[in-house]
Amino acid sequence: MDTKIKVPQALTAKLMLWTDVSYHDMEEIDKMQFIPDLERALCTVFGVDLPEPKRGVLLELYVQTVLFCRERSFKKEQTSALLSIIKSVHEANTETPLNNIEQCFQYCKELLLCHSVRRPPFSISLFSSEEVNCILKYIHNNYVRHYKLYKYIFTPQVKLDLSLTYSGIPEQDEPTVEDASVPDVENVIEEETEAAPTTDSSPQTQEASSEEPEGAKLGLKSELKTLIEKEVREQMTLVSRQLDQRMKDIADQHSRALNTPQPNHKAKK
């Protein structure tokens, strides 16, 4: 399994007229009036070969885009370009499981700019300024707002496997210096008891007293590990909350930008 994660990066926008949907494909799509027929046509055009639920979610995205274009009475070339724009933004979103909402939204705006300003061969005036604003609101309400959902469905989940190494603490399986010297201590104790049988101390008592410091050390090690793991969990929870808040702030910022009325600049007479 490939464990490499692609880092989000800026994408370069380009013209997408008849890139994925040809004129003949648009004629077939326009003939479909029922949703199941439209899904089959779009599945053939885009070559969607994904397991559920990915297949259903992706086809629903394309179907809703076609219905939006029909509602706005877009031409065939406009619908074809918008379908390719939606497809490109979705691919940019799902190419990495990391947060790249800012790059995707910027990429979307640059794609719309390439199809709204006449500057051959870099851009064409396929959409008017009013249509661009309408498309941008549609993409924000129907895709950007559900950014996390598409990310969750179409990208592998990344889990942090954290292992801690405690410096200066030996492994439990390895014999310690005290354990290795226990047999010699027992032999010395036995010799001393044979020479002085009237002594009250016994080998069992001496062995128990020698094991008490080792048990105390193990208790301290276990307590230290517990404290470190607790601190790490708290820090990870804090970072996760900060990321969620950052995502919410970005979504709110985009929403405010779309809802702000654009100034109407009129030419001075």
C-alpha atoms as a PDB file:
ATOM      1  CA  MET A   1       0.000   0.000   0.000  1.00  0.00           C
ATOM      2  CA  ASP A   2       1.311   3.428  -0.968  1.00  0.00           C
ATOM      3  CA  THR A   3       1.778   5.488   2.189  1.00  0.00           C
ATOM      4  CA  LYS A   4       2.855   8.691   0.435  1.00  0.00           C
ATOM      5  CA  ILE A   5       0.511  11.648   0.891  1.00  0.00           C
ATOM      6  CA  LYS A   6       0.433  14.359  -1.758  1.00  0.00           C
ATOM      7  CA  VAL A   7       0.946  17.833  -0.356  1.00  0.00           C
ATOM      8  CA  PRO A   8      -1.629  20.480  -1.464  1.00  0.00           C
ATOM      9  CA  GLN A   9      -0.255  22.844  -4.056  1.00  0.00           C
ATOM     10  CA  ALA A  10      -1.436  25.620  -6.369  1.00  0.00           C
ATOM     11  CA  LEU A  11      -2.921  24.489  -9.698  1.00  0.00           C
ATOM     12  CA  THR A  12      -2.754  26.206 -13.079  1.00  0.00           C
ATOM     13  CA  ALA A  13      -6.071  26.945 -14.765  1.00  0.00           C
ATOM     14  CA  LYS A  14      -6.576  26.361 -18.484  1.00  0.00           C
ATOM     15  CA  LEU A  15      -9.335  26.401 -21.095  1.00  0.00           C
ATOM     16  CA  MET A  16     -11.734  23.449 -20.897  1.00  0.00           C
ATOM     17  CA  LEU A  17     -14.059  23.944 -23.849  1.00  0.00           C
ATOM     18  CA  TRP A  18     -15.031  20.482 -25.183  1.00  0.00           C
ATOM     19  CA  THR A  19     -12.316  18.923 -23.030  1.00  0.00           C
ATOM     20  CA  ASP A  20     -14.364  16.103 -21.471  1.00  0.00           C
ATOM     21  CA  VAL A  21     -17.774  16.473 -23.150  1.00  0.00           C
ATOM     22  CA  SER A  22     -17.865  16.796 -26.931  1.00  0.00           C
ATOM     23  CA  TYR A  23     -20.608  18.391 -29.002  1.00  0.00           C
ATOM     24  CA  HIS A  24     -21.984  14.956 -29.857  1.00  0.00           C
ATOM     25  CA  ASP A  25     -22.005  14.032 -26.165  1.00  0.00           C
ATOM     26  CA  MET A  26     -23.959  17.184 -25.375  1.00  0.00           C
ATOM     27  CA  GLU A  27     -26.549  16.288 -27.987  1.00  0.00           C
ATOM     28  CA  GLU A  28     -27.036  12.906 -26.318  1.00  0.00           C
ATOM     29  CA  ILE A  29     -27.195  14.481 -22.856  1.00  0.00           C
ATOM     30  CA  ASP A  30     -29.811  17.023 -23.974  1.00  0.00           C
ATOM     31  CA  LYS A  31     -32.060  14.196 -25.149  1.00  0.00           C
ATOM     32  CA  MET A  32     -32.218  12.674 -21.668  1.00  0.00           C
ATOM     33  CA  GLN A  33     -35.167  13.994 -19.689  1.00  0.00           C
ATOM     34  CA  PHE A  34     -35.259  11.454 -16.859  1.00  0.00           C
ATOM     35  CA  ILE A  35     -32.658  11.242 -14.109  1.00  0.00           C
ATOM     36  CA  PRO A  36     -31.750   7.515 -14.598  1.00  0.00           C
ATOM     37  CA  ASP A  37     -31.220   8.078 -18.335  1.00  0.00           C
ATOM     38  CA  LEU A  38     -29.159  11.178 -17.624  1.00  0.00           C
ATOM     39  CA  GLU A  39     -27.025   9.256 -15.119  1.00  0.00           C
ATOM     40  CA  ARG A  40     -26.315   6.503 -17.646  1.00  0.00           C
ATOM     41  CA  ALA A  41     -25.347   9.055 -20.304  1.00  0.00           C
ATOM     42  CA  LEU A  42     -23.005  10.942 -17.955  1.00  0.00           C
ATOM     43  CA  CYS A  43     -21.538   7.673 -16.681  1.00  0.00           C
ATOM     44  CA  THR A  44     -20.634   6.762 -20.277  1.00  0.00           C
ATOM     45  CA  VAL A  45     -19.280  10.211 -21.157  1.00  0.00           C
ATOM     46  CA  PHE A  46     -17.032  10.526 -18.088  1.00  0.00           C
ATOM     47  CA  GLY A  47     -16.193   6.827 -17.865  1.00  0.00           C
ATOM     48  CA  VAL A  48     -17.248   6.565 -14.230  1.00  0.00           C
ATOM     49  CA  ASP A  49     -16.118   3.150 -12.965  1.00  0.00           C
ATOM     50  CA  LEU A  50     -16.210   3.449  -9.197  1.00  0.00           C
ATOM     51  CA  PRO A  51     -17.737   1.336  -6.427  1.00  0.00           C
ATOM     52  CA  GLU A  52     -20.623   2.612  -4.369  1.00  0.00           C
ATOM     53  CA  PRO A  53     -21.064   5.070  -2.748  1.00  0.00           C
ATOM     54  CA  LYS A  54     -18.428   6.928  -4.792  1.00  0.00           C
ATOM     55  CA  ARG A  55     -20.210   6.220  -8.064  1.00  0.00           C
ATOM     56  CA  GLY A  56     -23.557   7.513  -6.868  1.00  0.00           C
ATOM     57  CA  VAL A  57     -22.103  10.662  -5.292  1.00  0.00           C
ATOM     58  CA  LEU A  58     -20.081  11.563  -8.394  1.00  0.00           C
ATOM     59  CA  LEU A  59     -22.987  10.992 -10.788  1.00  0.00           C
ATOM     60  CA  GLU A  60     -25.247  13.069  -8.550  1.00  0.00           C
ATOM     61  CA  LEU A  61     -22.708  15.906  -8.769  1.00  0.00           C
ATOM     62  CA  TYR A  62     -22.722  15.784 -12.581  1.00  0.00           C
ATOM     63  CA  VAL A  63     -26.516  15.414 -12.829  1.00  0.00           C
ATOM     64  CA  GLN A  64     -27.146  18.439 -10.616  1.00  0.00           C
ATOM     65  CA  THR A  65     -24.702  20.460 -12.727  1.00  0.00           C
ATOM     66  CA  VAL A  66     -26.598  19.586 -15.921  1.00  0.00           C
ATOM     67  CA  LEU A  67     -29.923  20.482 -14.281  1.00  0.00           C
ATOM     68  CA  PHE A  68     -28.452  23.797 -13.142  1.00  0.00           C
ATOM     69  CA  CYS A  69     -27.310  24.556 -16.699  1.00  0.00           C
ATOM     70  CA  ARG A  70     -30.770  23.734 -18.049  1.00  0.00           C
ATOM     71  CA  GLU A  71     -32.370  25.995 -15.477  1.00  0.00           C
ATOM     72  CA  ARG A  72     -30.098  28.850 -16.561  1.00  0.00           C
ATOM     73  CA  SER A  73     -30.658  28.034 -20.280  1.00  0.00           C
ATOM     74  CA  PHE A  74     -26.950  27.564 -20.919  1.00  0.00           C
ATOM     75  CA  LYS A  75     -25.734  26.644 -24.378  1.00  0.00           C
ATOM     76  CA  LYS A  76     -24.085  23.318 -25.174  1.00  0.00           C
ATOM     77  CA  GLU A  77     -20.566  24.765 -25.008  1.00  0.00           C
ATOM     78  CA  GLN A  78     -21.303  26.430 -21.672  1.00  0.00           C
ATOM     79  CA  THR A  79     -22.625  23.204 -20.143  1.00  0.00           C
ATOM     80  CA  SER A  80     -19.655  21.253 -21.465  1.00  0.00           C
ATOM     81  CA  ALA A  81     -17.172  23.746 -19.998  1.00  0.00           C
ATOM     82  CA  LEU A  82     -18.929  23.877 -16.615  1.00  0.00           C
ATOM     83  CA  LEU A  83     -18.987  20.081 -16.356  1.00  0.00           C
ATOM     84  CA  SER A  84     -15.234  20.031 -16.978  1.00  0.00           C
ATOM     85  CA  ILE A  85     -14.700  22.779 -14.392  1.00  0.00           C
ATOM     86  CA  ILE A  86     -16.669  20.827 -11.792  1.00  0.00           C
ATOM     87  CA  LYS A  87     -14.720  17.680 -12.656  1.00  0.00           C
ATOM     88  CA  SER A  88     -11.361  19.479 -12.345  1.00  0.00           C
ATOM     89  CA  VAL A  89     -12.223  21.089  -9.001  1.00  0.00           C
ATOM     90  CA  HIS A  90     -13.380  17.723  -7.657  1.00  0.00           C
ATOM     91  CA  GLU A  91     -10.170  16.017  -8.794  1.00  0.00           C
ATOM     92  CA  ALA A  92      -8.096  18.786  -7.204  1.00  0.00           C
ATOM     93  CA  ASN A  93      -9.985  18.286  -3.951  1.00  0.00           C
ATOM     94  CA  THR A  94      -9.640  14.506  -3.847  1.00  0.00           C
ATOM     95  CA  GLU A  95      -6.018  14.233  -4.946  1.00  0.00           C
ATOM     96  CA  THR A  96      -4.923  14.618  -1.326  1.00  0.00           C
ATOM     97  CA  PRO A  97      -6.535  13.781   2.023  1.00  0.00           C
ATOM     98  CA  LEU A  98      -5.036  16.963   3.499  1.00  0.00           C
ATOM     99  CA  ASN A  99      -6.808  20.286   3.761  1.00  0.00           C
ATOM    100  CA  ASN A 100      -6.610  22.142   0.431  1.00  0.00           C
ATOM    101  CA  ILE A 101      -9.867  24.098   0.378  1.00  0.00           C
ATOM    102  CA  GLU A 102      -8.113  27.411  -0.249  1.00  0.00           C
ATOM    103  CA  GLN A 103      -6.211  26.016  -3.247  1.00  0.00           C
ATOM    104  CA  CYS A 104      -9.400  24.455  -4.662  1.00  0.00           C
ATOM    105  CA  PHE A 105     -11.465  27.616  -4.325  1.00  0.00           C
ATOM    106  CA  GLN A 106      -8.726  29.734  -5.871  1.00  0.00           C
ATOM    107  CA  TYR A 107      -8.383  27.207  -8.698  1.00  0.00           C
ATOM    108  CA  CYS A 108     -12.141  27.352  -9.285  1.00  0.00           C
ATOM    109  CA  LYS A 109     -12.118  31.150  -9.574  1.00  0.00           C
ATOM    110  CA  GLU A 110      -9.201  31.065 -11.999  1.00  0.00           C
ATOM    111  CA  LEU A 111     -10.996  28.492 -14.155  1.00  0.00           C
ATOM    112  CA  LEU A 112     -14.082  30.697 -14.324  1.00  0.00           C
ATOM    113  CA  LEU A 113     -11.894  33.672 -15.185  1.00  0.00           C
ATOM    114  CA  CYS A 114     -10.399  31.719 -18.093  1.00  0.00           C
ATOM    115  CA  HIS A 115     -13.920  31.276 -19.498  1.00  0.00           C
ATOM    116  CA  SER A 116     -15.257  34.783 -18.904  1.00  0.00           C
ATOM    117  CA  VAL A 117     -12.630  37.140 -20.321  1.00  0.00           C
ATOM    118  CA  ARG A 118     -11.778  37.351 -24.004  1.00  0.00           C
ATOM    119  CA  ARG A 119      -8.016  37.065 -24.215  1.00  0.00           C
ATOM    120  CA  PRO A 120      -7.060  34.476 -26.849  1.00  0.00           C
ATOM    121  CA  PRO A 121      -5.460  31.990 -26.588  1.00  0.00           C
ATOM    122  CA  PHE A 122      -5.439  32.095 -22.777  1.00  0.00           C
ATOM    123  CA  SER A 123      -9.130  32.753 -22.136  1.00  0.00           C
ATOM    124  CA  ILE A 124     -12.460  33.194 -23.886  1.00  0.00           C
ATOM    125  CA  SER A 125     -15.645  35.089 -23.059  1.00  0.00           C
ATOM    126  CA  LEU A 126     -17.890  32.052 -22.706  1.00  0.00           C
ATOM    127  CA  PHE A 127     -19.726  33.279 -19.586  1.00  0.00           C
ATOM    128  CA  SER A 128     -20.910  36.766 -18.743  1.00  0.00           C
ATOM    129  CA  SER A 129     -20.080  38.410 -15.412  1.00  0.00           C
ATOM    130  CA  GLU A 130     -23.619  37.709 -14.171  1.00  0.00           C
ATOM    131  CA  GLU A 131     -23.327  34.042 -15.157  1.00  0.00           C
ATOM    132  CA  VAL A 132     -19.932  33.763 -13.460  1.00  0.00           C
ATOM    133  CA  ASN A 133     -21.356  35.096 -10.171  1.00  0.00           C
ATOM    134  CA  CYS A 134     -24.268  32.652 -10.438  1.00  0.00           C
ATOM    135  CA  ILE A 135     -21.921  29.727 -11.159  1.00  0.00           C
ATOM    136  CA  LEU A 136     -19.627  30.676  -8.292  1.00  0.00           C
ATOM    137  CA  LYS A 137     -22.545  30.701  -5.850  1.00  0.00           C
ATOM    138  CA  TYR A 138     -23.748  27.372  -7.198  1.00  0.00           C
ATOM    139  CA  ILE A 139     -20.326  25.737  -6.751  1.00  0.00           C
ATOM    140  CA  HIS A 140     -19.986  27.168  -3.259  1.00  0.00           C
ATOM    141  CA  ASN A 141     -23.452  26.049  -2.109  1.00  0.00           C
ATOM    142  CA  ASN A 142     -23.352  22.612  -3.730  1.00  0.00           C
ATOM    143  CA  TYR A 143     -19.692  21.633  -3.464  1.00  0.00           C
ATOM    144  CA  VAL A 144     -17.518  23.856  -1.292  1.00  0.00           C
ATOM    145  CA  ARG A 145     -19.964  23.726   1.615  1.00  0.00           C
ATOM    146  CA  HIS A 146     -19.796  19.903   1.441  1.00  0.00           C
ATOM    147  CA  TYR A 147     -16.035  19.910   0.983  1.00  0.00           C
ATOM    148  CA  LYS A 148     -15.402  17.639   3.978  1.00  0.00           C
ATOM    149  CA  LEU A 149     -17.984  15.120   2.779  1.00  0.00           C
ATOM    150  CA  TYR A 150     -16.347  14.718  -0.649  1.00  0.00           C
ATOM    151  CA  LYS A 151     -12.935  14.577   1.011  1.00  0.00           C
ATOM    152  CA  TYR A 152     -14.142  11.830   3.372  1.00  0.00           C
ATOM    153  CA  ILE A 153     -15.712   9.691   0.626  1.00  0.00           C
ATOM    154  CA  PHE A 154     -13.087   9.937  -2.106  1.00  0.00           C
ATOM    155  CA  THR A 155      -9.785  10.059  -0.195  1.00  0.00           C
ATOM    156  CA  PRO A 156      -8.146   7.489   2.095  1.00  0.00           C
ATOM    157  CA  GLN A 157      -8.326   8.237   5.785  1.00  0.00           C
ATOM    158  CA  VAL A 158      -5.032   9.285   7.356  1.00  0.00           C
ATOM    159  CA  LYS A 159      -4.365   8.000  10.865  1.00  0.00           C
ATOM    160  CA  LEU A 160      -1.464   8.996  13.077  1.00  0.00           C
ATOM    161  CA  ASP A 161       0.379   5.993  14.510  1.00  0.00           C
ATOM    162  CA  LEU A 162       2.334   7.490  17.384  1.00  0.00           C
ATOM    163  CA  SER A 163       4.959   5.470  19.255  1.00  0.00           C
ATOM    164  CA  LEU A 164       6.894   6.845  22.207  1.00  0.00           C
ATOM    165  CA  THR A 165      10.465   5.946  23.131  1.00  0.00           C
ATOM    166  CA  TYR A 166      11.456   6.594  26.726  1.00  0.00           C
ATOM    167  CA  SER A 167      15.113   7.521  26.888  1.00  0.00           C
ATOM    168  CA  GLY A 168      17.078   5.951  29.721  1.00  0.00           C
ATOM    169  CA  ILE A 169      14.376   3.395  30.630  1.00  0.00           C
ATOM    170  CA  PRO A 170      15.262  -0.253  29.815  1.00  0.00           C
ATOM    171  CA  GLU A 171      12.751  -2.669  28.306  1.00  0.00           C
ATOM    172  CA  GLN A 172      10.861  -4.885  30.738  1.00  0.00           C
ATOM    173  CA  ASP A 173      11.958  -8.075  28.994  1.00  0.00           C
ATOM    174  CA  GLU A 174      15.628  -7.279  29.403  1.00  0.00           C
ATOM    175  CA  PRO A 175      17.283  -8.407  32.666  1.00  0.00           C
ATOM    176  CA  THR A 176      18.454  -5.573  34.861  1.00  0.00           C
ATOM    177  CA  VAL A 177      21.669  -5.400  36.876  1.00  0.00           C
ATOM    178  CA  GLU A 178      19.829  -6.201  40.081  1.00  0.00           C
ATOM    179  CA  ASP A 179      18.177  -9.303  38.527  1.00  0.00           C
ATOM    180  CA  ALA A 180      21.500 -10.616  37.232  1.00  0.00           C
ATOM    181  CA  SER A 181      23.102 -10.372  40.664  1.00  0.00           C
ATOM    182  CA  VAL A 182      20.296 -12.082  42.609  1.00  0.00           C
ATOM    183  CA  PRO A 183      21.763 -15.649  42.432  1.00  0.00           C
ATOM    184  CA  ASP A 184      25.072 -14.464  43.911  1.00  0.00           C
ATOM    185  CA  VAL A 185      23.228 -12.714  46.729  1.00  0.00           C
ATOM    186  CA  GLU A 186      21.299 -15.886  47.552  1.00  0.00           C
ATOM    187  CA  ASN A 187      24.532 -17.924  47.702  1.00  0.00           C
ATOM    188  CA  VAL A 188      26.058 -15.372  50.048  1.00  0.00           C
ATOM    189  CA  ILE A 189      22.934 -15.407  52.222  1.00  0.00           C
ATOM    190  CA  GLU A 190      22.961 -19.216  52.428  1.00  0.00           C
ATOM    191  CA  GLU A 191      26.632 -19.254  53.450  1.00  0.00           C
ATOM    192  CA  GLU A 192      26.000 -16.632  56.142  1.00  0.00           C
ATOM    193  CA  THR A 193      23.033 -18.558  57.599  1.00  0.00           C
ATOM    194  CA  GLU A 194      25.093 -21.769  57.791  1.00  0.00           C
ATOM    195  CA  ALA A 195      27.855 -19.954  59.646  1.00  0.00           C
ATOM    196  CA  ALA A 196      25.456 -18.147  62.027  1.00  0.00           C
ATOM    197  CA  PRO A 197      22.284 -20.250  62.501  1.00  0.00           C
ATOM    198  CA  THR A 198      21.117 -18.109  65.438  1.00  0.00           C
ATOM    199  CA  THR A 199      20.452 -15.078  63.184  1.00  0.00           C
ATOM    200  CA  ASP A 200      16.742 -14.116  62.841  1.00  0.00           C
ATOM    201  CA  SER A 201      16.942 -13.126  59.134  1.00  0.00           C
ATOM    202  CA  SER A 202      16.073 -15.755  56.471  1.00  0.00           C
ATOM    203  CA  PRO A 203      16.808 -16.056  52.705  1.00  0.00           C
ATOM    204  CA  GLN A 204      13.131 -15.357  51.917  1.00  0.00           C
ATOM    205  CA  THR A 205      13.240 -12.131  53.895  1.00  0.00           C
ATOM    206  CA  GLN A 206      16.416 -10.979  52.205  1.00  0.00           C
ATOM    207  CA  GLU A 207      15.035 -11.797  48.725  1.00  0.00           C
ATOM    208  CA  ALA A 208      11.821  -9.889  49.386  1.00  0.00           C
ATOM    209  CA  SER A 209      13.714  -6.841  50.575  1.00  0.00           C
ATOM    210  CA  SER A 210      15.881  -6.887  47.446  1.00  0.00           C
ATOM    211  CA  GLU A 211      12.813  -6.964  45.167  1.00  0.00           C
ATOM    212  CA  GLU A 212      11.056  -3.951  46.720  1.00  0.00           C
ATOM    213  CA  PRO A 213      13.205  -1.272  45.010  1.00  0.00           C
ATOM    214  CA  GLU A 214      12.669  -2.940  41.603  1.00  0.00           C
ATOM    215  CA  GLY A 215       8.867  -2.925  42.054  1.00  0.00           C
ATOM    216  CA  ALA A 216       8.974   0.734  43.009  1.00  0.00           C
ATOM    217  CA  LYS A 217      10.971   1.517  39.861  1.00  0.00           C
ATOM    218  CA  LEU A 218       8.447  -0.286  37.655  1.00  0.00           C
ATOM    219  CA  GLY A 219       5.649   1.705  39.276  1.00  0.00           C
ATOM    220  CA  LEU A 220       7.444   4.964  38.528  1.00  0.00           C
ATOM    221  CA  LYS A 221       8.019   3.915  34.905  1.00  0.00           C
ATOM    222  CA  SER A 222       4.346   3.069  34.426  1.00  0.00           C
ATOM    223  CA  GLU A 223       3.281   6.372  35.988  1.00  0.00           C
ATOM    224  CA  LEU A 224       5.691   8.296  33.756  1.00  0.00           C
ATOM    225  CA  LYS A 225       4.358   6.620  30.614  1.00  0.00           C
ATOM    226  CA  THR A 226       0.780   7.363  31.642  1.00  0.00           C
ATOM    227  CA  LEU A 227       1.539  11.040  32.190  1.00  0.00           C
ATOM    228  CA  ILE A 228       3.329  11.382  28.836  1.00  0.00           C
ATOM    229  CA  GLU A 229       0.549   9.611  26.898  1.00  0.00           C
ATOM    230  CA  LYS A 230      -2.083  11.793  28.595  1.00  0.00           C
ATOM    231  CA  GLU A 231      -0.201  14.954  27.645  1.00  0.00           C
ATOM    232  CA  VAL A 232       0.191  13.807  24.030  1.00  0.00           C
ATOM    233  CA  ARG A 233      -3.531  13.013  23.743  1.00  0.00           C
ATOM    234  CA  GLU A 234      -4.436  16.447  25.088  1.00  0.00           C
ATOM    235  CA  GLN A 235      -2.131  18.178  22.612  1.00  0.00           C
ATOM    236  CA  MET A 236      -3.527  16.165  19.672  1.00  0.00           C
ATOM    237  CA  THR A 237      -7.093  17.020  20.720  1.00  0.00           C
ATOM    238  CA  LEU A 238      -6.154  20.707  20.883  1.00  0.00           C
ATOM    239  CA  VAL A 239      -4.602  20.628  17.401  1.00  0.00           C
ATOM    240  CA  SER A 240      -7.662  18.842  15.995  1.00  0.00           C
ATOM    241  CA  ARG A 241      -9.981  21.503  17.416  1.00  0.00           C
ATOM    242  CA  GLN A 242      -7.823  24.260  15.963  1.00  0.00           C
ATOM    243  CA  LEU A 243      -7.964  22.649  12.504  1.00  0.00           C
ATOM    244  CA  ASP A 244     -11.754  22.303  12.675  1.00  0.00           C
ATOM    245  CA  GLN A 245     -12.082  25.946  13.688  1.00  0.00           C
ATOM    246  CA  ARG A 246      -9.789  26.960  10.829  1.00  0.00           C
ATOM    247  CA  MET A 247     -11.966  25.058   8.342  1.00  0.00           C
ATOM    248  CA  LYS A 248     -15.080  26.752   9.723  1.00  0.00           C
ATOM    249  CA  ASP A 249     -13.478  30.204   9.486  1.00  0.00           C
ATOM    250  CA  ILE A 250     -12.467  29.619   5.862  1.00  0.00           C
ATOM    251  CA  ALA A 251     -15.968  28.441   4.923  1.00  0.00           C
ATOM    252  CA  ASP A 252     -17.515  31.489   6.633  1.00  0.00           C
ATOM    253  CA  GLN A 253     -15.089  33.766   4.836  1.00  0.00           C
ATOM    254  CA  HIS A 254     -16.007  32.306   1.450  1.00  0.00           C
ATOM    255  CA  SER A 255     -19.700  32.564   2.271  1.00  0.00           C
ATOM    256  CA  ARG A 256     -19.381  36.247   3.186  1.00  0.00           C
ATOM    257  CA  ALA A 257     -17.391  36.934   0.022  1.00  0.00           C
ATOM    258  CA  LEU A 258     -20.097  35.379  -2.156  1.00  0.00           C
ATOM    259  CA  ASN A 259     -22.949  37.154  -0.390  1.00  0.00           C
ATOM    260  CA  THR A 260     -21.294  40.573  -0.628  1.00  0.00           C
ATOM    261  CA  PRO A 261     -22.873  42.503  -3.534  1.00  0.00           C
ATOM    262  CA  GLN A 262     -20.458  43.358  -6.284  1.00  0.00           C
ATOM    263  CA  PRO A 263     -20.167  47.098  -7.088  1.00  0.00           C
ATOM    264  CA  ASN A 264     -21.576  48.073 -10.472  1.00  0.00           C
ATOM    265  CA  HIS A 265     -18.978  50.233 -12.171  1.00  0.00           C
ATOM    266  CA  LYS A 266     -20.548  52.410 -14.851  1.00  0.00           C
ATOM    267  CA  ALA A 267     -18.611  54.335 -17.420  1.00  0.00           C
ATOM    268  CA  LYS A 268     -18.498  58.070 -16.822  1.00  0.00           C
ATOM    269  CA  LYS A 269     -20.084  60.188 -19.504  1.00  0.00           C
END
